[in-house]
Amino acid sequence: MEEMECGIEKKAAAMAAAEEVGRKEEAAAGDVGLKELSRKLNDFAKARDWEQYHSPRNLLLAMIAEVGELSELFMWKGEVRKGLADWDEAEKEHLGEELADVLLYLVRLSDICGVDLGDAATRKIVKNAAKYPAPSKEGA
């Protein structure tokens, strides 16, 4: 009987510790950068021995599949208003999950290809600013 109680206590303690870690990660989640996501994804893949499957082609195809799942959330809804005022919380949560799936595959793909995604995105914004300059405010 004592062994069973000890096992239950250990299980409860482990669950409480996992919940605490989850809360800490959730609190810091809004501040995570691309390099940190890349590190977490790399650790995740290594722990599961998935690196062998993470070729650029496989990651790209997986990301495209996730974009398809994301697209399904908007299918048949017509024009969706900014802020998703007409969506319930479950729909918004599902949207967040699908957006995260696309982001995570994109980060992993860029890492496997040796592309610094943050740097590439910053350079692209500068390039787009030169290509599409903001309208002049001289007339205002």
C-alpha atoms as a PDB file:
ATOM      1  CA  MET A   1       0.000   0.000   0.000  1.00  0.00           C
ATOM      2  CA  GLU A   2       2.827   2.400   0.868  1.00  0.00           C
ATOM      3  CA  GLU A   3       4.501   1.674  -2.471  1.00  0.00           C
ATOM      4  CA  MET A   4       1.306   2.586  -4.318  1.00  0.00           C
ATOM      5  CA  GLU A   5       0.937   5.828  -2.334  1.00  0.00           C
ATOM      6  CA  CYS A   6       4.598   6.654  -3.009  1.00  0.00           C
ATOM      7  CA  GLY A   7       4.058   6.020  -6.727  1.00  0.00           C
ATOM      8  CA  ILE A   8       0.992   8.260  -6.765  1.00  0.00           C
ATOM      9  CA  GLU A   9       2.892  10.998  -4.931  1.00  0.00           C
ATOM     10  CA  LYS A  10       5.794  10.752  -7.382  1.00  0.00           C
ATOM     11  CA  LYS A  11       3.403  10.920 -10.315  1.00  0.00           C
ATOM     12  CA  ALA A  12       1.642  13.957  -8.826  1.00  0.00           C
ATOM     13  CA  ALA A  13       4.987  15.664  -8.182  1.00  0.00           C
ATOM     14  CA  ALA A  14       6.129  14.968 -11.753  1.00  0.00           C
ATOM     15  CA  MET A  15       2.876  16.347 -13.161  1.00  0.00           C
ATOM     16  CA  ALA A  16       3.177  19.468 -11.004  1.00  0.00           C
ATOM     17  CA  ALA A  17       6.770  19.977 -12.167  1.00  0.00           C
ATOM     18  CA  ALA A  18       5.733  19.555 -15.811  1.00  0.00           C
ATOM     19  CA  GLU A  19       2.918  22.071 -15.361  1.00  0.00           C
ATOM     20  CA  GLU A  20       5.353  24.551 -13.798  1.00  0.00           C
ATOM     21  CA  VAL A  21       7.771  24.164 -16.714  1.00  0.00           C
ATOM     22  CA  GLY A  22       4.858  24.648 -19.115  1.00  0.00           C
ATOM     23  CA  ARG A  23       3.792  27.838 -17.330  1.00  0.00           C
ATOM     24  CA  LYS A  24       7.333  29.229 -17.413  1.00  0.00           C
ATOM     25  CA  GLU A  25       7.721  28.393 -21.106  1.00  0.00           C
ATOM     26  CA  GLU A  26       4.312  29.876 -21.865  1.00  0.00           C
ATOM     27  CA  ALA A  27       5.187  33.090 -20.020  1.00  0.00           C
ATOM     28  CA  ALA A  28       8.398  33.447 -22.021  1.00  0.00           C
ATOM     29  CA  ALA A  29       6.909  32.243 -25.312  1.00  0.00           C
ATOM     30  CA  GLY A  30       6.052  35.732 -26.539  1.00  0.00           C
ATOM     31  CA  ASP A  31       9.692  36.744 -26.263  1.00  0.00           C
ATOM     32  CA  VAL A  32      11.246  33.785 -28.091  1.00  0.00           C
ATOM     33  CA  GLY A  33      13.387  34.584 -31.126  1.00  0.00           C
ATOM     34  CA  LEU A  34      14.104  32.635 -34.283  1.00  0.00           C
ATOM     35  CA  LYS A  35      17.459  31.377 -33.001  1.00  0.00           C
ATOM     36  CA  GLU A  36      15.823  30.059 -29.823  1.00  0.00           C
ATOM     37  CA  LEU A  37      13.084  28.345 -31.840  1.00  0.00           C
ATOM     38  CA  SER A  38      15.771  26.824 -34.042  1.00  0.00           C
ATOM     39  CA  ARG A  39      17.633  25.500 -30.997  1.00  0.00           C
ATOM     40  CA  LYS A  40      14.448  24.054 -29.487  1.00  0.00           C
ATOM     41  CA  LEU A  41      13.503  22.388 -32.766  1.00  0.00           C
ATOM     42  CA  ASN A  42      16.984  20.941 -33.147  1.00  0.00           C
ATOM     43  CA  ASP A  43      16.872  19.546 -29.596  1.00  0.00           C
ATOM     44  CA  PHE A  44      13.377  18.168 -30.213  1.00  0.00           C
ATOM     45  CA  ALA A  45      14.448  16.392 -33.413  1.00  0.00           C
ATOM     46  CA  LYS A  46      17.640  15.010 -31.850  1.00  0.00           C
ATOM     47  CA  ALA A  47      15.780  13.621 -28.840  1.00  0.00           C
ATOM     48  CA  ARG A  48      13.498  11.666 -31.175  1.00  0.00           C
ATOM     49  CA  ASP A  49      16.178  10.726 -33.740  1.00  0.00           C
ATOM     50  CA  TRP A  50      14.213  12.570 -36.419  1.00  0.00           C
ATOM     51  CA  GLU A  51      17.187  14.373 -37.960  1.00  0.00           C
ATOM     52  CA  GLN A  52      17.487  11.580 -40.532  1.00  0.00           C
ATOM     53  CA  TYR A  53      14.073  12.590 -41.914  1.00  0.00           C
ATOM     54  CA  HIS A  54      14.641  16.343 -41.904  1.00  0.00           C
ATOM     55  CA  SER A  55      15.936  16.820 -45.428  1.00  0.00           C
ATOM     56  CA  PRO A  56      15.097  20.145 -47.100  1.00  0.00           C
ATOM     57  CA  ARG A  57      12.640  18.387 -49.427  1.00  0.00           C
ATOM     58  CA  ASN A  58      10.813  16.579 -46.615  1.00  0.00           C
ATOM     59  CA  LEU A  59      10.585  19.719 -44.502  1.00  0.00           C
ATOM     60  CA  LEU A  60       9.292  21.759 -47.432  1.00  0.00           C
ATOM     61  CA  LEU A  61       6.617  19.177 -48.226  1.00  0.00           C
ATOM     62  CA  ALA A  62       5.581  19.006 -44.571  1.00  0.00           C
ATOM     63  CA  MET A  63       5.350  22.800 -44.441  1.00  0.00           C
ATOM     64  CA  ILE A  64       3.200  22.837 -47.591  1.00  0.00           C
ATOM     65  CA  ALA A  65       0.885  20.280 -45.969  1.00  0.00           C
ATOM     66  CA  GLU A  66       0.588  22.547 -42.931  1.00  0.00           C
ATOM     67  CA  VAL A  67      -0.176  25.551 -45.161  1.00  0.00           C
ATOM     68  CA  GLY A  68      -2.989  23.430 -46.606  1.00  0.00           C
ATOM     69  CA  GLU A  69      -4.338  22.770 -43.116  1.00  0.00           C
ATOM     70  CA  LEU A  70      -4.103  26.496 -42.375  1.00  0.00           C
ATOM     71  CA  SER A  71      -5.963  27.281 -45.596  1.00  0.00           C
ATOM     72  CA  GLU A  72      -8.797  24.947 -44.629  1.00  0.00           C
ATOM     73  CA  LEU A  73      -9.568  27.139 -41.626  1.00  0.00           C
ATOM     74  CA  PHE A  74     -10.417  30.033 -43.961  1.00  0.00           C
ATOM     75  CA  MET A  75     -12.174  27.991 -46.618  1.00  0.00           C
ATOM     76  CA  TRP A  76     -15.795  28.926 -47.218  1.00  0.00           C
ATOM     77  CA  LYS A  77     -15.710  31.800 -44.715  1.00  0.00           C
ATOM     78  CA  GLY A  78     -15.633  34.575 -47.311  1.00  0.00           C
ATOM     79  CA  GLU A  79     -13.670  37.664 -46.358  1.00  0.00           C
ATOM     80  CA  VAL A  80     -12.481  37.412 -42.759  1.00  0.00           C
ATOM     81  CA  ARG A  81     -12.303  40.629 -40.751  1.00  0.00           C
ATOM     82  CA  LYS A  82      -9.096  41.711 -39.078  1.00  0.00           C
ATOM     83  CA  GLY A  83      -8.996  40.452 -35.501  1.00  0.00           C
ATOM     84  CA  LEU A  84     -11.293  37.510 -36.342  1.00  0.00           C
ATOM     85  CA  ALA A  85     -14.207  39.026 -34.431  1.00  0.00           C
ATOM     86  CA  ASP A  86     -16.600  36.409 -35.840  1.00  0.00           C
ATOM     87  CA  TRP A  87     -14.446  33.443 -34.755  1.00  0.00           C
ATOM     88  CA  ASP A  88     -14.930  31.622 -31.463  1.00  0.00           C
ATOM     89  CA  GLU A  89     -12.024  30.897 -29.115  1.00  0.00           C
ATOM     90  CA  ALA A  90     -11.651  27.286 -30.285  1.00  0.00           C
ATOM     91  CA  GLU A  91     -11.296  28.453 -33.898  1.00  0.00           C
ATOM     92  CA  LYS A  92      -8.716  31.066 -32.890  1.00  0.00           C
ATOM     93  CA  GLU A  93      -6.761  28.495 -30.891  1.00  0.00           C
ATOM     94  CA  HIS A  94      -6.786  26.098 -33.840  1.00  0.00           C
ATOM     95  CA  LEU A  95      -5.580  28.924 -36.087  1.00  0.00           C
ATOM     96  CA  GLY A  96      -2.700  29.595 -33.703  1.00  0.00           C
ATOM     97  CA  GLU A  97      -1.707  25.935 -33.786  1.00  0.00           C
ATOM     98  CA  GLU A  98      -1.691  25.801 -37.587  1.00  0.00           C
ATOM     99  CA  LEU A  99       0.238  29.078 -37.860  1.00  0.00           C
ATOM    100  CA  ALA A 100       2.763  27.678 -35.377  1.00  0.00           C
ATOM    101  CA  ASP A 101       3.129  24.481 -37.424  1.00  0.00           C
ATOM    102  CA  VAL A 102       3.945  26.523 -40.549  1.00  0.00           C
ATOM    103  CA  LEU A 103       6.402  28.722 -38.642  1.00  0.00           C
ATOM    104  CA  LEU A 104       8.161  25.779 -37.013  1.00  0.00           C
ATOM    105  CA  TYR A 105       8.648  23.965 -40.319  1.00  0.00           C
ATOM    106  CA  LEU A 106       9.900  27.200 -41.911  1.00  0.00           C
ATOM    107  CA  VAL A 107      12.400  27.759 -39.105  1.00  0.00           C
ATOM    108  CA  ARG A 108      13.573  24.141 -39.270  1.00  0.00           C
ATOM    109  CA  LEU A 109      13.877  24.279 -43.072  1.00  0.00           C
ATOM    110  CA  SER A 110      15.917  27.480 -42.942  1.00  0.00           C
ATOM    111  CA  ASP A 111      18.173  25.971 -40.281  1.00  0.00           C
ATOM    112  CA  ILE A 112      18.757  22.758 -42.241  1.00  0.00           C
ATOM    113  CA  CYS A 113      19.520  24.838 -45.359  1.00  0.00           C
ATOM    114  CA  GLY A 114      21.952  27.053 -43.457  1.00  0.00           C
ATOM    115  CA  VAL A 115      19.923  30.230 -43.937  1.00  0.00           C
ATOM    116  CA  ASP A 116      19.762  32.800 -41.140  1.00  0.00           C
ATOM    117  CA  LEU A 117      16.038  33.482 -41.455  1.00  0.00           C
ATOM    118  CA  GLY A 118      16.069  36.662 -39.361  1.00  0.00           C
ATOM    119  CA  ASP A 119      18.903  38.132 -41.412  1.00  0.00           C
ATOM    120  CA  ALA A 120      17.305  37.069 -44.706  1.00  0.00           C
ATOM    121  CA  ALA A 121      13.961  38.607 -43.705  1.00  0.00           C
ATOM    122  CA  THR A 122      15.600  41.866 -42.641  1.00  0.00           C
ATOM    123  CA  ARG A 123      17.523  42.092 -45.918  1.00  0.00           C
ATOM    124  CA  LYS A 124      14.309  41.366 -47.842  1.00  0.00           C
ATOM    125  CA  ILE A 125      12.475  44.203 -46.076  1.00  0.00           C
ATOM    126  CA  VAL A 126      15.292  46.609 -47.042  1.00  0.00           C
ATOM    127  CA  LYS A 127      15.190  45.335 -50.624  1.00  0.00           C
ATOM    128  CA  ASN A 128      11.393  45.724 -50.765  1.00  0.00           C
ATOM    129  CA  ALA A 129      11.635  49.264 -49.344  1.00  0.00           C
ATOM    130  CA  ALA A 130      13.928  50.234 -52.232  1.00  0.00           C
ATOM    131  CA  LYS A 131      11.728  48.465 -54.776  1.00  0.00           C
ATOM    132  CA  TYR A 132       8.453  49.863 -53.392  1.00  0.00           C
ATOM    133  CA  PRO A 133       9.207  53.261 -51.829  1.00  0.00           C
ATOM    134  CA  ALA A 134       6.618  54.843 -49.552  1.00  0.00           C
ATOM    135  CA  PRO A 135       4.629  57.641 -51.183  1.00  0.00           C
ATOM    136  CA  SER A 136       6.079  61.090 -50.747  1.00  0.00           C
ATOM    137  CA  LYS A 137       4.444  63.241 -48.078  1.00  0.00           C
ATOM    138  CA  GLU A 138       5.401  66.507 -49.801  1.00  0.00           C
ATOM    139  CA  GLY A 139       1.795  67.216 -50.834  1.00  0.00           C
ATOM    140  CA  ALA A 140       0.444  66.712 -47.325  1.00  0.00           C
END
